[in-house]
Amino acid sequence: MQTIKFSLPNETAKKLATRARERGLSPEAFVKMVTEEILSRPSSDFADALDHVLSKNTDLYERLAR
């Protein structure tokens, strides 16, 4: 596992600590959780391609669903 260190402005660090505390997490665990969530999402290129294919073939999908 790799350790990453970075600095945050004081106000951002306070918001991070508050959000983490609301979920019963340490700030470090909260950042890890949020990072994993964001990275598990499909890339915007994939989402854009999917939207294009679905919208392009809407009529076909509606006919097939009947």
PDB file of N, CA and C in Angstrom:
ATOM      1  N   MET A   1       0.849  -1.173   0.000  1.00  0.00           N
ATOM      2  CA  MET A   1       0.000   0.000   0.000  1.00  0.00           C
ATOM      3  C   MET A   1       0.891   1.232   0.000  1.00  0.00           C
ATOM      4  N   GLN A   2       0.481   2.229  -0.738  1.00  0.00           N
ATOM      5  CA  GLN A   2       1.252   3.459  -0.855  1.00  0.00           C
ATOM      6  C   GLN A   2       0.654   4.547   0.032  1.00  0.00           C
ATOM      7  N   THR A   3       1.510   5.340   0.629  1.00  0.00           N
ATOM      8  CA  THR A   3       1.089   6.473   1.446  1.00  0.00           C
ATOM      9  C   THR A   3       1.246   7.746   0.628  1.00  0.00           C
ATOM     10  N   ILE A   4       0.223   8.572   0.649  1.00  0.00           N
ATOM     11  CA  ILE A   4       0.253   9.847  -0.065  1.00  0.00           C
ATOM     12  C   ILE A   4       0.022  10.955   0.950  1.00  0.00           C
ATOM     13  N   LYS A   5       0.872  11.967   0.902  1.00  0.00           N
ATOM     14  CA  LYS A   5       0.733  13.110   1.805  1.00  0.00           C
ATOM     15  C   LYS A   5       0.423  14.344   0.974  1.00  0.00           C
ATOM     16  N   PHE A   6      -0.495  15.164   1.457  1.00  0.00           N
ATOM     17  CA  PHE A   6      -0.796  16.423   0.793  1.00  0.00           C
ATOM     18  C   PHE A   6      -1.301  17.412   1.820  1.00  0.00           C
ATOM     19  N   SER A   7      -1.263  18.668   1.448  1.00  0.00           N
ATOM     20  CA  SER A   7      -1.703  19.742   2.342  1.00  0.00           C
ATOM     21  C   SER A   7      -3.054  20.257   1.885  1.00  0.00           C
ATOM     22  N   LEU A   8      -3.846  20.680   2.854  1.00  0.00           N
ATOM     23  CA  LEU A   8      -5.148  21.276   2.580  1.00  0.00           C
ATOM     24  C   LEU A   8      -5.232  22.633   3.266  1.00  0.00           C
ATOM     25  N   PRO A   9      -5.959  23.551   2.678  1.00  0.00           N
ATOM     26  CA  PRO A   9      -6.211  24.810   3.392  1.00  0.00           C
ATOM     27  C   PRO A   9      -6.970  24.494   4.692  1.00  0.00           C
ATOM     28  N   ASN A  10      -6.787  25.300   5.702  1.00  0.00           N
ATOM     29  CA  ASN A  10      -7.398  25.046   7.009  1.00  0.00           C
ATOM     30  C   ASN A  10      -8.909  24.853   6.921  1.00  0.00           C
ATOM     31  N   GLU A  11      -9.578  25.697   6.149  1.00  0.00           N
ATOM     32  CA  GLU A  11     -11.035  25.602   6.044  1.00  0.00           C
ATOM     33  C   GLU A  11     -11.451  24.280   5.413  1.00  0.00           C
ATOM     34  N   THR A  12     -10.729  23.825   4.407  1.00  0.00           N
ATOM     35  CA  THR A  12     -11.023  22.540   3.761  1.00  0.00           C
ATOM     36  C   THR A  12     -10.782  21.389   4.730  1.00  0.00           C
ATOM     37  N   ALA A  13      -9.712  21.463   5.491  1.00  0.00           N
ATOM     38  CA  ALA A  13      -9.408  20.419   6.470  1.00  0.00           C
ATOM     39  C   ALA A  13     -10.504  20.337   7.537  1.00  0.00           C
ATOM     40  N   LYS A  14     -11.033  21.485   7.947  1.00  0.00           N
ATOM     41  CA  LYS A  14     -12.124  21.494   8.931  1.00  0.00           C
ATOM     42  C   LYS A  14     -13.381  20.851   8.357  1.00  0.00           C
ATOM     43  N   LYS A  15     -13.708  21.185   7.096  1.00  0.00           N
ATOM     44  CA  LYS A  15     -14.874  20.575   6.451  1.00  0.00           C
ATOM     45  C   LYS A  15     -14.691  19.064   6.314  1.00  0.00           C
ATOM     46  N   LEU A  16     -13.489  18.643   5.961  1.00  0.00           N
ATOM     47  CA  LEU A  16     -13.185  17.219   5.836  1.00  0.00           C
ATOM     48  C   LEU A  16     -13.370  16.515   7.174  1.00  0.00           C
ATOM     49  N   ALA A  17     -12.846  17.095   8.225  1.00  0.00           N
ATOM     50  CA  ALA A  17     -12.966  16.493   9.555  1.00  0.00           C
ATOM     51  C   ALA A  17     -14.427  16.404   9.983  1.00  0.00           C
ATOM     52  N   THR A  18     -15.200  17.434   9.680  1.00  0.00           N
ATOM     53  CA  THR A  18     -16.622  17.424  10.034  1.00  0.00           C
ATOM     54  C   THR A  18     -17.361  16.333   9.289  1.00  0.00           C
ATOM     55  N   ARG A  19     -17.161  16.250   7.974  1.00  0.00           N
ATOM     56  CA  ARG A  19     -17.836  15.218   7.172  1.00  0.00           C
ATOM     57  C   ARG A  19     -17.440  13.826   7.630  1.00  0.00           C
ATOM     58  N   ALA A  20     -16.176  13.632   7.919  1.00  0.00           N
ATOM     59  CA  ALA A  20     -15.701  12.324   8.377  1.00  0.00           C
ATOM     60  C   ALA A  20     -16.339  11.973   9.718  1.00  0.00           C
ATOM     61  N   ARG A  21     -16.350  12.917  10.636  1.00  0.00           N
ATOM     62  CA  ARG A  21     -16.918  12.692  11.967  1.00  0.00           C
ATOM     63  C   ARG A  21     -18.407  12.344  11.865  1.00  0.00           C
ATOM     64  N   GLU A  22     -19.138  12.999  10.952  1.00  0.00           N
ATOM     65  CA  GLU A  22     -20.561  12.712  10.762  1.00  0.00           C
ATOM     66  C   GLU A  22     -20.795  11.252  10.369  1.00  0.00           C
ATOM     67  N   ARG A  23     -19.812  10.651   9.735  1.00  0.00           N
ATOM     68  CA  ARG A  23     -19.922   9.265   9.299  1.00  0.00           C
ATOM     69  C   ARG A  23     -19.181   8.296  10.210  1.00  0.00           C
ATOM     70  N   GLY A  24     -18.658   8.811  11.308  1.00  0.00           N
ATOM     71  CA  GLY A  24     -17.957   7.968  12.268  1.00  0.00           C
ATOM     72  C   GLY A  24     -16.600   7.496  11.774  1.00  0.00           C
ATOM     73  N   LEU A  25     -15.976   8.301  10.914  1.00  0.00           N
ATOM     74  CA  LEU A  25     -14.689   7.930  10.330  1.00  0.00           C
ATOM     75  C   LEU A  25     -13.614   8.945  10.682  1.00  0.00           C
ATOM     76  N   SER A  26     -12.385   8.509  10.587  1.00  0.00           N
ATOM     77  CA  SER A  26     -11.272   9.448  10.680  1.00  0.00           C
ATOM     78  C   SER A  26     -11.191  10.190   9.341  1.00  0.00           C
ATOM     79  N   PRO A  27     -10.572  11.363   9.333  1.00  0.00           N
ATOM     80  CA  PRO A  27     -10.415  12.059   8.051  1.00  0.00           C
ATOM     81  C   PRO A  27      -9.680  11.205   7.014  1.00  0.00           C
ATOM     82  N   GLU A  28      -8.684  10.449   7.455  1.00  0.00           N
ATOM     83  CA  GLU A  28      -7.921   9.600   6.538  1.00  0.00           C
ATOM     84  C   GLU A  28      -8.805   8.509   5.931  1.00  0.00           C
ATOM     85  N   ALA A  29      -9.622   7.873   6.769  1.00  0.00           N
ATOM     86  CA  ALA A  29     -10.512   6.820   6.275  1.00  0.00           C
ATOM     87  C   ALA A  29     -11.565   7.403   5.335  1.00  0.00           C
ATOM     88  N   PHE A  30     -12.035   8.604   5.636  1.00  0.00           N
ATOM     89  CA  PHE A  30     -13.021   9.251   4.785  1.00  0.00           C
ATOM     90  C   PHE A  30     -12.432   9.563   3.412  1.00  0.00           C
ATOM     91  N   VAL A  31     -11.217  10.115   3.377  1.00  0.00           N
ATOM     92  CA  VAL A  31     -10.566  10.414   2.099  1.00  0.00           C
ATOM     93  C   VAL A  31     -10.360   9.133   1.303  1.00  0.00           C
ATOM     94  N   LYS A  32      -9.945   8.071   1.970  1.00  0.00           N
ATOM     95  CA  LYS A  32      -9.754   6.787   1.290  1.00  0.00           C
ATOM     96  C   LYS A  32     -11.070   6.298   0.698  1.00  0.00           C
ATOM     97  N   MET A  33     -12.153   6.359   1.465  1.00  0.00           N
ATOM     98  CA  MET A  33     -13.459   5.894   1.011  1.00  0.00           C
ATOM     99  C   MET A  33     -13.937   6.704  -0.194  1.00  0.00           C
ATOM    100  N   VAL A  34     -13.825   8.020  -0.116  1.00  0.00           N
ATOM    101  CA  VAL A  34     -14.279   8.891  -1.199  1.00  0.00           C
ATOM    102  C   VAL A  34     -13.437   8.648  -2.453  1.00  0.00           C
ATOM    103  N   THR A  35     -12.147   8.510  -2.291  1.00  0.00           N
ATOM    104  CA  THR A  35     -11.260   8.261  -3.421  1.00  0.00           C
ATOM    105  C   THR A  35     -11.615   6.945  -4.107  1.00  0.00           C
ATOM    106  N   GLU A  36     -11.825   5.897  -3.330  1.00  0.00           N
ATOM    107  CA  GLU A  36     -12.192   4.598  -3.904  1.00  0.00           C
ATOM    108  C   GLU A  36     -13.528   4.683  -4.640  1.00  0.00           C
ATOM    109  N   GLU A  37     -14.468   5.425  -4.082  1.00  0.00           N
ATOM    110  CA  GLU A  37     -15.775   5.591  -4.729  1.00  0.00           C
ATOM    111  C   GLU A  37     -15.626   6.293  -6.073  1.00  0.00           C
ATOM    112  N   ILE A  38     -14.889   7.367  -6.105  1.00  0.00           N
ATOM    113  CA  ILE A  38     -14.716   8.132  -7.345  1.00  0.00           C
ATOM    114  C   ILE A  38     -13.993   7.295  -8.399  1.00  0.00           C
ATOM    115  N   LEU A  39     -12.950   6.586  -7.991  1.00  0.00           N
ATOM    116  CA  LEU A  39     -12.173   5.805  -8.953  1.00  0.00           C
ATOM    117  C   LEU A  39     -12.904   4.566  -9.446  1.00  0.00           C
ATOM    118  N   SER A  40     -13.937   4.125  -8.735  1.00  0.00           N
ATOM    119  CA  SER A  40     -14.685   2.950  -9.172  1.00  0.00           C
ATOM    120  C   SER A  40     -15.739   3.303 -10.222  1.00  0.00           C
ATOM    121  N   ARG A  41     -16.016   4.576 -10.403  1.00  0.00           N
ATOM    122  CA  ARG A  41     -16.997   5.017 -11.401  1.00  0.00           C
ATOM    123  C   ARG A  41     -16.399   4.886 -12.791  1.00  0.00           C
ATOM    124  N   PRO A  42     -17.265   4.629 -13.782  1.00  0.00           N
ATOM    125  CA  PRO A  42     -16.750   4.581 -15.158  1.00  0.00           C
ATOM    126  C   PRO A  42     -16.207   5.943 -15.563  1.00  0.00           C
ATOM    127  N   SER A  43     -15.226   5.917 -16.451  1.00  0.00           N
ATOM    128  CA  SER A  43     -14.684   7.188 -16.924  1.00  0.00           C
ATOM    129  C   SER A  43     -15.753   7.938 -17.695  1.00  0.00           C
ATOM    130  N   SER A  44     -15.604   9.233 -17.787  1.00  0.00           N
ATOM    131  CA  SER A  44     -16.610  10.039 -18.477  1.00  0.00           C
ATOM    132  C   SER A  44     -16.681   9.661 -19.956  1.00  0.00           C
ATOM    133  N   ASP A  45     -15.569   9.231 -20.550  1.00  0.00           N
ATOM    134  CA  ASP A  45     -15.585   8.804 -21.948  1.00  0.00           C
ATOM    135  C   ASP A  45     -16.523   7.615 -22.131  1.00  0.00           C
ATOM    136  N   PHE A  46     -16.438   6.651 -21.211  1.00  0.00           N
ATOM    137  CA  PHE A  46     -17.309   5.481 -21.289  1.00  0.00           C
ATOM    138  C   PHE A  46     -18.757   5.893 -21.091  1.00  0.00           C
ATOM    139  N   ALA A  47     -19.019   6.732 -20.116  1.00  0.00           N
ATOM    140  CA  ALA A  47     -20.386   7.177 -19.850  1.00  0.00           C
ATOM    141  C   ALA A  47     -20.941   7.948 -21.041  1.00  0.00           C
ATOM    142  N   ASP A  48     -20.131   8.787 -21.661  1.00  0.00           N
ATOM    143  CA  ASP A  48     -20.568   9.542 -22.835  1.00  0.00           C
ATOM    144  C   ASP A  48     -20.891   8.597 -23.994  1.00  0.00           C
ATOM    145  N   ALA A  49     -20.045   7.596 -24.205  1.00  0.00           N
ATOM    146  CA  ALA A  49     -20.291   6.626 -25.279  1.00  0.00           C
ATOM    147  C   ALA A  49     -21.557   5.837 -25.003  1.00  0.00           C
ATOM    148  N   LEU A  50     -21.753   5.432 -23.770  1.00  0.00           N
ATOM    149  CA  LEU A  50     -22.953   4.690 -23.396  1.00  0.00           C
ATOM    150  C   LEU A  50     -24.198   5.537 -23.640  1.00  0.00           C
ATOM    151  N   ASP A  51     -24.175   6.778 -23.219  1.00  0.00           N
ATOM    152  CA  ASP A  51     -25.315   7.677 -23.454  1.00  0.00           C
ATOM    153  C   ASP A  51     -25.605   7.825 -24.940  1.00  0.00           C
ATOM    154  N   HIS A  52     -24.554   7.948 -25.731  1.00  0.00           N
ATOM    155  CA  HIS A  52     -24.723   8.099 -27.179  1.00  0.00           C
ATOM    156  C   HIS A  52     -25.390   6.868 -27.782  1.00  0.00           C
ATOM    157  N   VAL A  53     -24.893   5.689 -27.428  1.00  0.00           N
ATOM    158  CA  VAL A  53     -25.456   4.451 -27.971  1.00  0.00           C
ATOM    159  C   VAL A  53     -26.904   4.279 -27.536  1.00  0.00           C
ATOM    160  N   LEU A  54     -27.182   4.530 -26.266  1.00  0.00           N
ATOM    161  CA  LEU A  54     -28.548   4.364 -25.778  1.00  0.00           C
ATOM    162  C   LEU A  54     -29.505   5.353 -26.432  1.00  0.00           C
ATOM    163  N   SER A  55     -29.084   6.598 -26.585  1.00  0.00           N
ATOM    164  CA  SER A  55     -29.982   7.577 -27.194  1.00  0.00           C
ATOM    165  C   SER A  55     -30.144   7.333 -28.694  1.00  0.00           C
ATOM    166  N   LYS A  56     -29.083   6.865 -29.347  1.00  0.00           N
ATOM    167  CA  LYS A  56     -29.128   6.594 -30.777  1.00  0.00           C
ATOM    168  C   LYS A  56     -30.087   5.447 -31.094  1.00  0.00           C
ATOM    169  N   ASN A  57     -30.163   4.484 -30.192  1.00  0.00           N
ATOM    170  CA  ASN A  57     -30.957   3.284 -30.442  1.00  0.00           C
ATOM    171  C   ASN A  57     -32.222   3.208 -29.585  1.00  0.00           C
ATOM    172  N   THR A  58     -32.716   4.341 -29.113  1.00  0.00           N
ATOM    173  CA  THR A  58     -33.891   4.361 -28.248  1.00  0.00           C
ATOM    174  C   THR A  58     -35.086   3.670 -28.883  1.00  0.00           C
ATOM    175  N   ASP A  59     -35.364   3.995 -30.138  1.00  0.00           N
ATOM    176  CA  ASP A  59     -36.518   3.388 -30.824  1.00  0.00           C
ATOM    177  C   ASP A  59     -36.394   1.874 -30.877  1.00  0.00           C
ATOM    178  N   LEU A  60     -35.215   1.407 -31.217  1.00  0.00           N
ATOM    179  CA  LEU A  60     -34.995  -0.044 -31.300  1.00  0.00           C
ATOM    180  C   LEU A  60     -35.234  -0.706 -29.951  1.00  0.00           C
ATOM    181  N   TYR A  61     -34.676  -0.132 -28.882  1.00  0.00           N
ATOM    182  CA  TYR A  61     -34.837  -0.724 -27.551  1.00  0.00           C
ATOM    183  C   TYR A  61     -36.312  -0.732 -27.119  1.00  0.00           C
ATOM    184  N   GLU A  62     -37.028   0.329 -27.474  1.00  0.00           N
ATOM    185  CA  GLU A  62     -38.469   0.380 -27.132  1.00  0.00           C
ATOM    186  C   GLU A  62     -39.243  -0.696 -27.881  1.00  0.00           C
ATOM    187  N   ARG A  63     -38.925  -0.909 -29.148  1.00  0.00           N
ATOM    188  CA  ARG A  63     -39.607  -1.969 -29.922  1.00  0.00           C
ATOM    189  C   ARG A  63     -39.284  -3.345 -29.365  1.00  0.00           C
ATOM    190  N   LEU A  64     -38.038  -3.554 -28.994  1.00  0.00           N
ATOM    191  CA  LEU A  64     -37.633  -4.854 -28.453  1.00  0.00           C
ATOM    192  C   LEU A  64     -38.257  -5.142 -27.086  1.00  0.00           C
ATOM    193  N   ALA A  65     -38.551  -4.079 -26.351  1.00  0.00           N
ATOM    194  CA  ALA A  65     -39.128  -4.244 -25.008  1.00  0.00           C
ATOM    195  C   ALA A  65     -40.585  -4.643 -25.038  1.00  0.00           C
ATOM    196  N   ARG A  66     -41.252  -4.514 -26.172  1.00  0.00           N
ATOM    197  CA  ARG A  66     -42.682  -4.843 -26.266  1.00  0.00           C
ATOM    198  C   ARG A  66     -42.920  -6.317 -26.338  1.00  0.00           C
TER     199      ARG A  66
END
